[in-house]
Amino acid sequence: GHRARQVDLDLMHWADTILAMDASNLAAL
C-alpha cells in the first residue's frame, strides 16, 4: 500500500524523531 512522498517542513514538524537512512539524507534534512 506504500506510495512515495517527498519530505517537507510540515512533515518534519509532525515528527518527534526524524531518522535519515544515510549521511547524504541527513545533510539534506
mmCIF file of all heavy atoms, coordinates in Angstrom:
data_MODEL
# 
_entry.id   MODEL 
# 
loop_
_atom_site.group_PDB 
_atom_site.id 
_atom_site.type_symbol 
_atom_site.label_atom_id 
_atom_site.label_alt_id 
_atom_site.label_comp_id 
_atom_site.label_asym_id 
_atom_site.label_entity_id 
_atom_site.label_seq_id 
_atom_site.pdbx_PDB_ins_code 
_atom_site.Cartn_x 
_atom_site.Cartn_y 
_atom_site.Cartn_z 
_atom_site.occupancy 
_atom_site.B_iso_or_equiv 
_atom_site.pdbx_formal_charge 
_atom_site.auth_seq_id 
_atom_site.auth_comp_id 
_atom_site.auth_asym_id 
_atom_site.auth_atom_id 
_atom_site.pdbx_PDB_model_num 
ATOM 1   N N   . GLY A 1 1  ? 0.793  -1.224 0.000  1.00 0.00 ? 1  GLY A N   1 
ATOM 2   C CA  . GLY A 1 1  ? 0.000  0.000  0.000  1.00 0.00 ? 1  GLY A CA  1 
ATOM 3   C C   . GLY A 1 1  ? 0.828  1.279  0.000  1.00 0.00 ? 1  GLY A C   1 
ATOM 4   O O   . GLY A 1 1  ? 0.278  2.380  -0.041 1.00 0.00 ? 1  GLY A O   1 
ATOM 5   N N   . HIS A 1 2  ? 2.142  1.146  0.011  1.00 0.00 ? 2  HIS A N   1 
ATOM 6   C CA  . HIS A 1 2  ? 3.004  2.323  0.096  1.00 0.00 ? 2  HIS A CA  1 
ATOM 7   C C   . HIS A 1 2  ? 2.978  3.149  -1.195 1.00 0.00 ? 2  HIS A C   1 
ATOM 8   O O   . HIS A 1 2  ? 3.003  2.602  -2.293 1.00 0.00 ? 2  HIS A O   1 
ATOM 9   C CB  . HIS A 1 2  ? 4.454  1.911  0.380  1.00 0.00 ? 2  HIS A CB  1 
ATOM 10  C CG  . HIS A 1 2  ? 5.395  3.067  0.332  1.00 0.00 ? 2  HIS A CG  1 
ATOM 11  N ND1 . HIS A 1 2  ? 5.465  4.002  1.335  1.00 0.00 ? 2  HIS A ND1 1 
ATOM 12  C CD2 . HIS A 1 2  ? 6.268  3.460  -0.617 1.00 0.00 ? 2  HIS A CD2 1 
ATOM 13  C CE1 . HIS A 1 2  ? 6.349  4.912  1.007  1.00 0.00 ? 2  HIS A CE1 1 
ATOM 14  N NE2 . HIS A 1 2  ? 6.856  4.605  -0.175 1.00 0.00 ? 2  HIS A NE2 1 
ATOM 15  N N   . ARG A 1 3  ? 2.961  4.476  -1.026 1.00 0.00 ? 3  ARG A N   1 
ATOM 16  C CA  . ARG A 1 3  ? 3.135  5.418  -2.126 1.00 0.00 ? 3  ARG A CA  1 
ATOM 17  C C   . ARG A 1 3  ? 4.117  6.473  -1.655 1.00 0.00 ? 3  ARG A C   1 
ATOM 18  O O   . ARG A 1 3  ? 3.967  7.045  -0.571 1.00 0.00 ? 3  ARG A O   1 
ATOM 19  C CB  . ARG A 1 3  ? 1.810  6.078  -2.548 1.00 0.00 ? 3  ARG A CB  1 
ATOM 20  C CG  . ARG A 1 3  ? 0.800  5.112  -3.145 1.00 0.00 ? 3  ARG A CG  1 
ATOM 21  C CD  . ARG A 1 3  ? 1.318  4.477  -4.440 1.00 0.00 ? 3  ARG A CD  1 
ATOM 22  N NE  . ARG A 1 3  ? 0.432  3.466  -4.972 1.00 0.00 ? 3  ARG A NE  1 
ATOM 23  C CZ  . ARG A 1 3  ? 0.534  2.172  -4.766 1.00 0.00 ? 3  ARG A CZ  1 
ATOM 24  N NH1 . ARG A 1 3  ? 1.470  1.679  -3.966 1.00 0.00 ? 3  ARG A NH1 1 
ATOM 25  N NH2 . ARG A 1 3  ? -0.294 1.314  -5.335 1.00 0.00 ? 3  ARG A NH2 1 
ATOM 26  N N   . ALA A 1 4  ? 5.116  6.732  -2.467 1.00 0.00 ? 4  ALA A N   1 
ATOM 27  C CA  . ALA A 1 4  ? 6.188  7.653  -2.109 1.00 0.00 ? 4  ALA A CA  1 
ATOM 28  C C   . ALA A 1 4  ? 5.682  9.084  -1.972 1.00 0.00 ? 4  ALA A C   1 
ATOM 29  O O   . ALA A 1 4  ? 4.766  9.507  -2.683 1.00 0.00 ? 4  ALA A O   1 
ATOM 30  C CB  . ALA A 1 4  ? 7.294  7.595  -3.160 1.00 0.00 ? 4  ALA A CB  1 
ATOM 31  N N   . ARG A 1 5  ? 6.310  9.789  -1.046 1.00 0.00 ? 5  ARG A N   1 
ATOM 32  C CA  . ARG A 1 5  ? 6.033  11.217 -0.873 1.00 0.00 ? 5  ARG A CA  1 
ATOM 33  C C   . ARG A 1 5  ? 7.347  11.919 -0.565 1.00 0.00 ? 5  ARG A C   1 
ATOM 34  O O   . ARG A 1 5  ? 8.304  11.305 -0.097 1.00 0.00 ? 5  ARG A O   1 
ATOM 35  C CB  . ARG A 1 5  ? 5.006  11.441 0.227  1.00 0.00 ? 5  ARG A CB  1 
ATOM 36  C CG  . ARG A 1 5  ? 5.503  11.096 1.625  1.00 0.00 ? 5  ARG A CG  1 
ATOM 37  C CD  . ARG A 1 5  ? 4.467  11.223 2.692  1.00 0.00 ? 5  ARG A CD  1 
ATOM 38  N NE  . ARG A 1 5  ? 4.131  12.618 2.892  1.00 0.00 ? 5  ARG A NE  1 
ATOM 39  C CZ  . ARG A 1 5  ? 3.317  13.051 3.840  1.00 0.00 ? 5  ARG A CZ  1 
ATOM 40  N NH1 . ARG A 1 5  ? 2.749  12.191 4.664  1.00 0.00 ? 5  ARG A NH1 1 
ATOM 41  N NH2 . ARG A 1 5  ? 3.057  14.324 3.972  1.00 0.00 ? 5  ARG A NH2 1 
ATOM 42  N N   . GLN A 1 6  ? 7.358  13.202 -0.798 1.00 0.00 ? 6  GLN A N   1 
ATOM 43  C CA  . GLN A 1 6  ? 8.549  13.997 -0.526 1.00 0.00 ? 6  GLN A CA  1 
ATOM 44  C C   . GLN A 1 6  ? 8.443  14.613 0.863  1.00 0.00 ? 6  GLN A C   1 
ATOM 45  O O   . GLN A 1 6  ? 7.363  15.055 1.278  1.00 0.00 ? 6  GLN A O   1 
ATOM 46  C CB  . GLN A 1 6  ? 8.703  15.100 -1.570 1.00 0.00 ? 6  GLN A CB  1 
ATOM 47  C CG  . GLN A 1 6  ? 9.981  15.885 -1.405 1.00 0.00 ? 6  GLN A CG  1 
ATOM 48  C CD  . GLN A 1 6  ? 10.145 16.959 -2.474 1.00 0.00 ? 6  GLN A CD  1 
ATOM 49  O OE1 . GLN A 1 6  ? 9.207  17.323 -3.161 1.00 0.00 ? 6  GLN A OE1 1 
ATOM 50  N NE2 . GLN A 1 6  ? 11.364 17.458 -2.599 1.00 0.00 ? 6  GLN A NE2 1 
ATOM 51  N N   . VAL A 1 7  ? 9.556  14.656 1.559  1.00 0.00 ? 7  VAL A N   1 
ATOM 52  C CA  . VAL A 1 7  ? 9.591  15.271 2.876  1.00 0.00 ? 7  VAL A CA  1 
ATOM 53  C C   . VAL A 1 7  ? 9.416  16.782 2.724  1.00 0.00 ? 7  VAL A C   1 
ATOM 54  O O   . VAL A 1 7  ? 9.850  17.380 1.745  1.00 0.00 ? 7  VAL A O   1 
ATOM 55  C CB  . VAL A 1 7  ? 10.904 14.930 3.622  1.00 0.00 ? 7  VAL A CB  1 
ATOM 56  C CG1 . VAL A 1 7  ? 12.118 15.578 2.990  1.00 0.00 ? 7  VAL A CG1 1 
ATOM 57  C CG2 . VAL A 1 7  ? 10.803 15.254 5.095  1.00 0.00 ? 7  VAL A CG2 1 
ATOM 58  N N   . ASP A 1 8  ? 8.751  17.367 3.691  1.00 0.00 ? 8  ASP A N   1 
ATOM 59  C CA  . ASP A 1 8  ? 8.624  18.813 3.752  1.00 0.00 ? 8  ASP A CA  1 
ATOM 60  C C   . ASP A 1 8  ? 8.662  19.238 5.220  1.00 0.00 ? 8  ASP A C   1 
ATOM 61  O O   . ASP A 1 8  ? 8.657  18.393 6.128  1.00 0.00 ? 8  ASP A O   1 
ATOM 62  C CB  . ASP A 1 8  ? 7.363  19.317 3.041  1.00 0.00 ? 8  ASP A CB  1 
ATOM 63  C CG  . ASP A 1 8  ? 6.073  18.760 3.607  1.00 0.00 ? 8  ASP A CG  1 
ATOM 64  O OD1 . ASP A 1 8  ? 6.010  18.416 4.815  1.00 0.00 ? 8  ASP A OD1 1 
ATOM 65  O OD2 . ASP A 1 8  ? 5.088  18.660 2.850  1.00 0.00 ? 8  ASP A OD2 1 
ATOM 66  N N   . LEU A 1 9  ? 8.717  20.523 5.431  1.00 0.00 ? 9  LEU A N   1 
ATOM 67  C CA  . LEU A 1 9  ? 8.850  21.014 6.799  1.00 0.00 ? 9  LEU A CA  1 
ATOM 68  C C   . LEU A 1 9  ? 7.630  20.685 7.659  1.00 0.00 ? 9  LEU A C   1 
ATOM 69  O O   . LEU A 1 9  ? 7.769  20.394 8.853  1.00 0.00 ? 9  LEU A O   1 
ATOM 70  C CB  . LEU A 1 9  ? 9.112  22.527 6.791  1.00 0.00 ? 9  LEU A CB  1 
ATOM 71  C CG  . LEU A 1 9  ? 9.674  23.126 8.073  1.00 0.00 ? 9  LEU A CG  1 
ATOM 72  C CD1 . LEU A 1 9  ? 10.908 22.387 8.568  1.00 0.00 ? 9  LEU A CD1 1 
ATOM 73  C CD2 . LEU A 1 9  ? 9.989  24.598 7.869  1.00 0.00 ? 9  LEU A CD2 1 
ATOM 74  N N   . ASP A 1 10 ? 6.440  20.660 7.072  1.00 0.00 ? 10 ASP A N   1 
ATOM 75  C CA  . ASP A 1 10 ? 5.245  20.282 7.844  1.00 0.00 ? 10 ASP A CA  1 
ATOM 76  C C   . ASP A 1 10 ? 5.365  18.859 8.377  1.00 0.00 ? 10 ASP A C   1 
ATOM 77  O O   . ASP A 1 10 ? 5.022  18.586 9.531  1.00 0.00 ? 10 ASP A O   1 
ATOM 78  C CB  . ASP A 1 10 ? 3.981  20.409 6.994  1.00 0.00 ? 10 ASP A CB  1 
ATOM 79  C CG  . ASP A 1 10 ? 3.568  21.844 6.739  1.00 0.00 ? 10 ASP A CG  1 
ATOM 80  O OD1 . ASP A 1 10 ? 3.979  22.736 7.517  1.00 0.00 ? 10 ASP A OD1 1 
ATOM 81  O OD2 . ASP A 1 10 ? 2.841  22.075 5.761  1.00 0.00 ? 10 ASP A OD2 1 
ATOM 82  N N   . LEU A 1 11 ? 5.837  17.949 7.547  1.00 0.00 ? 11 LEU A N   1 
ATOM 83  C CA  . LEU A 1 11 ? 6.019  16.558 7.966  1.00 0.00 ? 11 LEU A CA  1 
ATOM 84  C C   . LEU A 1 11 ? 7.092  16.468 9.048  1.00 0.00 ? 11 LEU A C   1 
ATOM 85  O O   . LEU A 1 11 ? 6.957  15.712 10.014 1.00 0.00 ? 11 LEU A O   1 
ATOM 86  C CB  . LEU A 1 11 ? 6.373  15.692 6.755  1.00 0.00 ? 11 LEU A CB  1 
ATOM 87  C CG  . LEU A 1 11 ? 6.337  14.193 6.915  1.00 0.00 ? 11 LEU A CG  1 
ATOM 88  C CD1 . LEU A 1 11 ? 5.011  13.708 7.474  1.00 0.00 ? 11 LEU A CD1 1 
ATOM 89  C CD2 . LEU A 1 11 ? 6.619  13.532 5.572  1.00 0.00 ? 11 LEU A CD2 1 
ATOM 90  N N   . MET A 1 12 ? 8.142  17.253 8.911  1.00 0.00 ? 12 MET A N   1 
ATOM 91  C CA  . MET A 1 12 ? 9.189  17.267 9.932  1.00 0.00 ? 12 MET A CA  1 
ATOM 92  C C   . MET A 1 12 ? 8.652  17.822 11.255 1.00 0.00 ? 12 MET A C   1 
ATOM 93  O O   . MET A 1 12 ? 9.021  17.329 12.321 1.00 0.00 ? 12 MET A O   1 
ATOM 94  C CB  . MET A 1 12 ? 10.388 18.068 9.445  1.00 0.00 ? 12 MET A CB  1 
ATOM 95  C CG  . MET A 1 12 ? 11.120 17.388 8.291  1.00 0.00 ? 12 MET A CG  1 
ATOM 96  S SD  . MET A 1 12 ? 12.439 18.388 7.585  1.00 0.00 ? 12 MET A SD  1 
ATOM 97  C CE  . MET A 1 12 ? 13.650 18.336 8.906  1.00 0.00 ? 12 MET A CE  1 
ATOM 98  N N   . HIS A 1 13 ? 7.771  18.811 11.201 1.00 0.00 ? 13 HIS A N   1 
ATOM 99  C CA  . HIS A 1 13 ? 7.162  19.347 12.423 1.00 0.00 ? 13 HIS A CA  1 
ATOM 100 C C   . HIS A 1 13 ? 6.263  18.308 13.086 1.00 0.00 ? 13 HIS A C   1 
ATOM 101 O O   . HIS A 1 13 ? 6.155  18.279 14.315 1.00 0.00 ? 13 HIS A O   1 
ATOM 102 C CB  . HIS A 1 13 ? 6.356  20.616 12.126 1.00 0.00 ? 13 HIS A CB  1 
ATOM 103 C CG  . HIS A 1 13 ? 7.196  21.835 12.053 1.00 0.00 ? 13 HIS A CG  1 
ATOM 104 N ND1 . HIS A 1 13 ? 7.414  22.660 13.123 1.00 0.00 ? 13 HIS A ND1 1 
ATOM 105 C CD2 . HIS A 1 13 ? 7.894  22.364 11.025 1.00 0.00 ? 13 HIS A CD2 1 
ATOM 106 C CE1 . HIS A 1 13 ? 8.207  23.652 12.762 1.00 0.00 ? 13 HIS A CE1 1 
ATOM 107 N NE2 . HIS A 1 13 ? 8.519  23.493 11.488 1.00 0.00 ? 13 HIS A NE2 1 
ATOM 108 N N   . TRP A 1 14 ? 5.630  17.447 12.296 1.00 0.00 ? 14 TRP A N   1 
ATOM 109 C CA  . TRP A 1 14 ? 4.769  16.393 12.826 1.00 0.00 ? 14 TRP A CA  1 
ATOM 110 C C   . TRP A 1 14 ? 5.577  15.415 13.687 1.00 0.00 ? 14 TRP A C   1 
ATOM 111 O O   . TRP A 1 14 ? 5.108  14.927 14.718 1.00 0.00 ? 14 TRP A O   1 
ATOM 112 C CB  . TRP A 1 14 ? 4.090  15.662 11.665 1.00 0.00 ? 14 TRP A CB  1 
ATOM 113 C CG  . TRP A 1 14 ? 3.452  14.378 12.075 1.00 0.00 ? 14 TRP A CG  1 
ATOM 114 C CD1 . TRP A 1 14 ? 2.198  14.212 12.586 1.00 0.00 ? 14 TRP A CD1 1 
ATOM 115 C CD2 . TRP A 1 14 ? 4.048  13.075 12.032 1.00 0.00 ? 14 TRP A CD2 1 
ATOM 116 N NE1 . TRP A 1 14 ? 1.986  12.887 12.866 1.00 0.00 ? 14 TRP A NE1 1 
ATOM 117 C CE2 . TRP A 1 14 ? 3.099  12.166 12.532 1.00 0.00 ? 14 TRP A CE2 1 
ATOM 118 C CE3 . TRP A 1 14 ? 5.282  12.588 11.615 1.00 0.00 ? 14 TRP A CE3 1 
ATOM 119 C CZ2 . TRP A 1 14 ? 3.356  10.805 12.624 1.00 0.00 ? 14 TRP A CZ2 1 
ATOM 120 C CZ3 . TRP A 1 14 ? 5.539  11.235 11.706 1.00 0.00 ? 14 TRP A CZ3 1 
ATOM 121 C CH2 . TRP A 1 14 ? 4.573  10.366 12.210 1.00 0.00 ? 14 TRP A CH2 1 
ATOM 122 N N   . ALA A 1 15 ? 6.806  15.138 13.278 1.00 0.00 ? 15 ALA A N   1 
ATOM 123 C CA  . ALA A 1 15 ? 7.604  14.069 13.883 1.00 0.00 ? 15 ALA A CA  1 
ATOM 124 C C   . ALA A 1 15 ? 8.300  14.493 15.171 1.00 0.00 ? 15 ALA A C   1 
ATOM 125 O O   . ALA A 1 15 ? 8.792  15.616 15.289 1.00 0.00 ? 15 ALA A O   1 
ATOM 126 C CB  . ALA A 1 15 ? 8.655  13.583 12.888 1.00 0.00 ? 15 ALA A CB  1 
ATOM 127 N N   . ASP A 1 16 ? 8.365  13.555 16.109 1.00 0.00 ? 16 ASP A N   1 
ATOM 128 C CA  . ASP A 1 16 ? 9.187  13.726 17.305 1.00 0.00 ? 16 ASP A CA  1 
ATOM 129 C C   . ASP A 1 16 ? 10.638 13.358 17.001 1.00 0.00 ? 16 ASP A C   1 
ATOM 130 O O   . ASP A 1 16 ? 11.561 13.911 17.578 1.00 0.00 ? 16 ASP A O   1 
ATOM 131 C CB  . ASP A 1 16 ? 8.697  12.810 18.435 1.00 0.00 ? 16 ASP A CB  1 
ATOM 132 C CG  . ASP A 1 16 ? 7.275  13.106 18.854 1.00 0.00 ? 16 ASP A CG  1 
ATOM 133 O OD1 . ASP A 1 16 ? 6.929  14.301 19.006 1.00 0.00 ? 16 ASP A OD1 1 
ATOM 134 O OD2 . ASP A 1 16 ? 6.497  12.146 19.005 1.00 0.00 ? 16 ASP A OD2 1 
ATOM 135 N N   . THR A 1 17 ? 10.804 12.369 16.110 1.00 0.00 ? 17 THR A N   1 
ATOM 136 C CA  . THR A 1 17 ? 12.118 11.859 15.719 1.00 0.00 ? 17 THR A CA  1 
ATOM 137 C C   . THR A 1 17 ? 12.131 11.720 14.207 1.00 0.00 ? 17 THR A C   1 
ATOM 138 O O   . THR A 1 17 ? 11.178 11.184 13.624 1.00 0.00 ? 17 THR A O   1 
ATOM 139 C CB  . THR A 1 17 ? 12.389 10.480 16.364 1.00 0.00 ? 17 THR A CB  1 
ATOM 140 O OG1 . THR A 1 17 ? 12.280 10.604 17.785 1.00 0.00 ? 17 THR A OG1 1 
ATOM 141 C CG2 . THR A 1 17 ? 13.760 9.951  16.003 1.00 0.00 ? 17 THR A CG2 1 
ATOM 142 N N   . ILE A 1 18 ? 13.215 12.162 13.581 1.00 0.00 ? 18 ILE A N   1 
ATOM 143 C CA  . ILE A 1 18 ? 13.375 12.079 12.130 1.00 0.00 ? 18 ILE A CA  1 
ATOM 144 C C   . ILE A 1 18 ? 14.630 11.268 11.871 1.00 0.00 ? 18 ILE A C   1 
ATOM 145 O O   . ILE A 1 18 ? 15.734 11.673 12.265 1.00 0.00 ? 18 ILE A O   1 
ATOM 146 C CB  . ILE A 1 18 ? 13.485 13.474 11.495 1.00 0.00 ? 18 ILE A CB  1 
ATOM 147 C CG1 . ILE A 1 18 ? 12.273 14.325 11.870 1.00 0.00 ? 18 ILE A CG1 1 
ATOM 148 C CG2 . ILE A 1 18 ? 13.659 13.364 9.973  1.00 0.00 ? 18 ILE A CG2 1 
ATOM 149 C CD1 . ILE A 1 18 ? 12.456 15.814 11.640 1.00 0.00 ? 18 ILE A CD1 1 
ATOM 150 N N   . LEU A 1 19 ? 14.467 10.118 11.229 1.00 0.00 ? 19 LEU A N   1 
ATOM 151 C CA  . LEU A 1 19 ? 15.574 9.187  11.032 1.00 0.00 ? 19 LEU A CA  1 
ATOM 152 C C   . LEU A 1 19 ? 15.980 9.128  9.564  1.00 0.00 ? 19 LEU A C   1 
ATOM 153 O O   . LEU A 1 19 ? 15.218 8.660  8.715  1.00 0.00 ? 19 LEU A O   1 
ATOM 154 C CB  . LEU A 1 19 ? 15.177 7.798  11.526 1.00 0.00 ? 19 LEU A CB  1 
ATOM 155 C CG  . LEU A 1 19 ? 14.791 7.724  12.997 1.00 0.00 ? 19 LEU A CG  1 
ATOM 156 C CD1 . LEU A 1 19 ? 14.236 6.352  13.335 1.00 0.00 ? 19 LEU A CD1 1 
ATOM 157 C CD2 . LEU A 1 19 ? 16.000 8.064  13.868 1.00 0.00 ? 19 LEU A CD2 1 
ATOM 158 N N   . ALA A 1 20 ? 17.189 9.586  9.285  1.00 0.00 ? 20 ALA A N   1 
ATOM 159 C CA  . ALA A 1 20 ? 17.749 9.551  7.933  1.00 0.00 ? 20 ALA A CA  1 
ATOM 160 C C   . ALA A 1 20 ? 18.436 8.212  7.712  1.00 0.00 ? 20 ALA A C   1 
ATOM 161 O O   . ALA A 1 20 ? 19.120 7.701  8.604  1.00 0.00 ? 20 ALA A O   1 
ATOM 162 C CB  . ALA A 1 20 ? 18.753 10.686 7.757  1.00 0.00 ? 20 ALA A CB  1 
ATOM 163 N N   . MET A 1 21 ? 18.272 7.671  6.519  1.00 0.00 ? 21 MET A N   1 
ATOM 164 C CA  . MET A 1 21 ? 18.873 6.379  6.215  1.00 0.00 ? 21 MET A CA  1 
ATOM 165 C C   . MET A 1 21 ? 20.370 6.468  5.921  1.00 0.00 ? 21 MET A C   1 
ATOM 166 O O   . MET A 1 21 ? 21.081 5.483  6.075  1.00 0.00 ? 21 MET A O   1 
ATOM 167 C CB  . MET A 1 21 ? 18.163 5.729  5.021  1.00 0.00 ? 21 MET A CB  1 
ATOM 168 C CG  . MET A 1 21 ? 16.728 5.348  5.306  1.00 0.00 ? 21 MET A CG  1 
ATOM 169 S SD  . MET A 1 21 ? 16.566 4.035  6.540  1.00 0.00 ? 21 MET A SD  1 
ATOM 170 C CE  . MET A 1 21 ? 15.800 4.925  7.860  1.00 0.00 ? 21 MET A CE  1 
ATOM 171 N N   . ASP A 1 22 ? 20.853 7.638  5.494  1.00 0.00 ? 22 ASP A N   1 
ATOM 172 C CA  . ASP A 1 22 ? 22.295 7.787  5.260  1.00 0.00 ? 22 ASP A CA  1 
ATOM 173 C C   . ASP A 1 22 ? 22.726 9.236  5.462  1.00 0.00 ? 22 ASP A C   1 
ATOM 174 O O   . ASP A 1 22 ? 21.893 10.128 5.672  1.00 0.00 ? 22 ASP A O   1 
ATOM 175 C CB  . ASP A 1 22 ? 22.712 7.255  3.887  1.00 0.00 ? 22 ASP A CB  1 
ATOM 176 C CG  . ASP A 1 22 ? 22.110 8.000  2.713  1.00 0.00 ? 22 ASP A CG  1 
ATOM 177 O OD1 . ASP A 1 22 ? 21.995 9.244  2.774  1.00 0.00 ? 22 ASP A OD1 1 
ATOM 178 O OD2 . ASP A 1 22 ? 21.771 7.349  1.708  1.00 0.00 ? 22 ASP A OD2 1 
ATOM 179 N N   . ALA A 1 23 ? 24.035 9.453  5.409  1.00 0.00 ? 23 ALA A N   1 
ATOM 180 C CA  . ALA A 1 23 ? 24.599 10.771 5.696  1.00 0.00 ? 23 ALA A CA  1 
ATOM 181 C C   . ALA A 1 23 ? 24.145 11.834 4.701  1.00 0.00 ? 23 ALA A C   1 
ATOM 182 O O   . ALA A 1 23 ? 23.952 12.992 5.082  1.00 0.00 ? 23 ALA A O   1 
ATOM 183 C CB  . ALA A 1 23 ? 26.127 10.692 5.732  1.00 0.00 ? 23 ALA A CB  1 
ATOM 184 N N   . SER A 1 24 ? 23.968 11.469 3.438  1.00 0.00 ? 24 SER A N   1 
ATOM 185 C CA  . SER A 1 24 ? 23.518 12.481 2.467  1.00 0.00 ? 24 SER A CA  1 
ATOM 186 C C   . SER A 1 24 ? 22.072 12.893 2.757  1.00 0.00 ? 24 SER A C   1 
ATOM 187 O O   . SER A 1 24 ? 21.722 14.070 2.620  1.00 0.00 ? 24 SER A O   1 
ATOM 188 C CB  . SER A 1 24 ? 23.696 12.003 1.025  1.00 0.00 ? 24 SER A CB  1 
ATOM 189 O OG  . SER A 1 24 ? 22.815 10.950 0.727  1.00 0.00 ? 24 SER A OG  1 
ATOM 190 N N   . ASN A 1 25 ? 21.221 11.949 3.164  1.00 0.00 ? 25 ASN A N   1 
ATOM 191 C CA  . ASN A 1 25 ? 19.856 12.289 3.575  1.00 0.00 ? 25 ASN A CA  1 
ATOM 192 C C   . ASN A 1 25 ? 19.883 13.154 4.830  1.00 0.00 ? 25 ASN A C   1 
ATOM 193 O O   . ASN A 1 25 ? 19.101 14.100 4.949  1.00 0.00 ? 25 ASN A O   1 
ATOM 194 C CB  . ASN A 1 25 ? 19.030 11.040 3.854  1.00 0.00 ? 25 ASN A CB  1 
ATOM 195 C CG  . ASN A 1 25 ? 18.946 10.065 2.701  1.00 0.00 ? 25 ASN A CG  1 
ATOM 196 O OD1 . ASN A 1 25 ? 18.918 8.870  2.921  1.00 0.00 ? 25 ASN A OD1 1 
ATOM 197 N ND2 . ASN A 1 25 ? 18.914 10.554 1.467  1.00 0.00 ? 25 ASN A ND2 1 
ATOM 198 N N   . LEU A 1 26 ? 20.768 12.836 5.743  1.00 0.00 ? 26 LEU A N   1 
ATOM 199 C CA  . LEU A 1 26 ? 20.915 13.607 6.965  1.00 0.00 ? 26 LEU A CA  1 
ATOM 200 C C   . LEU A 1 26 ? 21.284 15.060 6.650  1.00 0.00 ? 26 LEU A C   1 
ATOM 201 O O   . LEU A 1 26 ? 20.698 15.992 7.202  1.00 0.00 ? 26 LEU A O   1 
ATOM 202 C CB  . LEU A 1 26 ? 21.973 12.961 7.864  1.00 0.00 ? 26 LEU A CB  1 
ATOM 203 C CG  . LEU A 1 26 ? 22.181 13.562 9.246  1.00 0.00 ? 26 LEU A CG  1 
ATOM 204 C CD1 . LEU A 1 26 ? 20.986 13.306 10.140 1.00 0.00 ? 26 LEU A CD1 1 
ATOM 205 C CD2 . LEU A 1 26 ? 23.446 12.987 9.875  1.00 0.00 ? 26 LEU A CD2 1 
ATOM 206 N N   . ALA A 1 27 ? 22.229 15.245 5.730  1.00 0.00 ? 27 ALA A N   1 
ATOM 207 C CA  . ALA A 1 27 ? 22.647 16.592 5.343  1.00 0.00 ? 27 ALA A CA  1 
ATOM 208 C C   . ALA A 1 27 ? 21.497 17.356 4.685  1.00 0.00 ? 27 ALA A C   1 
ATOM 209 O O   . ALA A 1 27 ? 21.266 18.534 4.973  1.00 0.00 ? 27 ALA A O   1 
ATOM 210 C CB  . ALA A 1 27 ? 23.850 16.523 4.413  1.00 0.00 ? 27 ALA A CB  1 
ATOM 211 N N   . ALA A 1 28 ? 20.755 16.686 3.808  1.00 0.00 ? 28 ALA A N   1 
ATOM 212 C CA  . ALA A 1 28 ? 19.623 17.334 3.139  1.00 0.00 ? 28 ALA A CA  1 
ATOM 213 C C   . ALA A 1 28 ? 18.539 17.724 4.141  1.00 0.00 ? 28 ALA A C   1 
ATOM 214 O O   . ALA A 1 28 ? 17.950 18.810 4.035  1.00 0.00 ? 28 ALA A O   1 
ATOM 215 C CB  . ALA A 1 28 ? 19.050 16.415 2.064  1.00 0.00 ? 28 ALA A CB  1 
ATOM 216 N N   . LEU A 1 29 ? 18.286 16.867 5.108  1.00 0.00 ? 29 LEU A N   1 
ATOM 217 C CA  . LEU A 1 29 ? 17.313 17.189 6.153  1.00 0.00 ? 29 LEU A CA  1 
ATOM 218 C C   . LEU A 1 29 ? 17.784 18.381 6.986  1.00 0.00 ? 29 LEU A C   1 
ATOM 219 O O   . LEU A 1 29 ? 16.986 19.231 7.374  1.00 0.00 ? 29 LEU A O   1 
ATOM 220 C CB  . LEU A 1 29 ? 17.068 15.982 7.056  1.00 0.00 ? 29 LEU A CB  1 
ATOM 221 C CG  . LEU A 1 29 ? 16.228 14.869 6.449  1.00 0.00 ? 29 LEU A CG  1 
ATOM 222 C CD1 . LEU A 1 29 ? 16.328 13.598 7.298  1.00 0.00 ? 29 LEU A CD1 1 
ATOM 223 C CD2 . LEU A 1 29 ? 14.782 15.306 6.273  1.00 0.00 ? 29 LEU A CD2 1 
# 
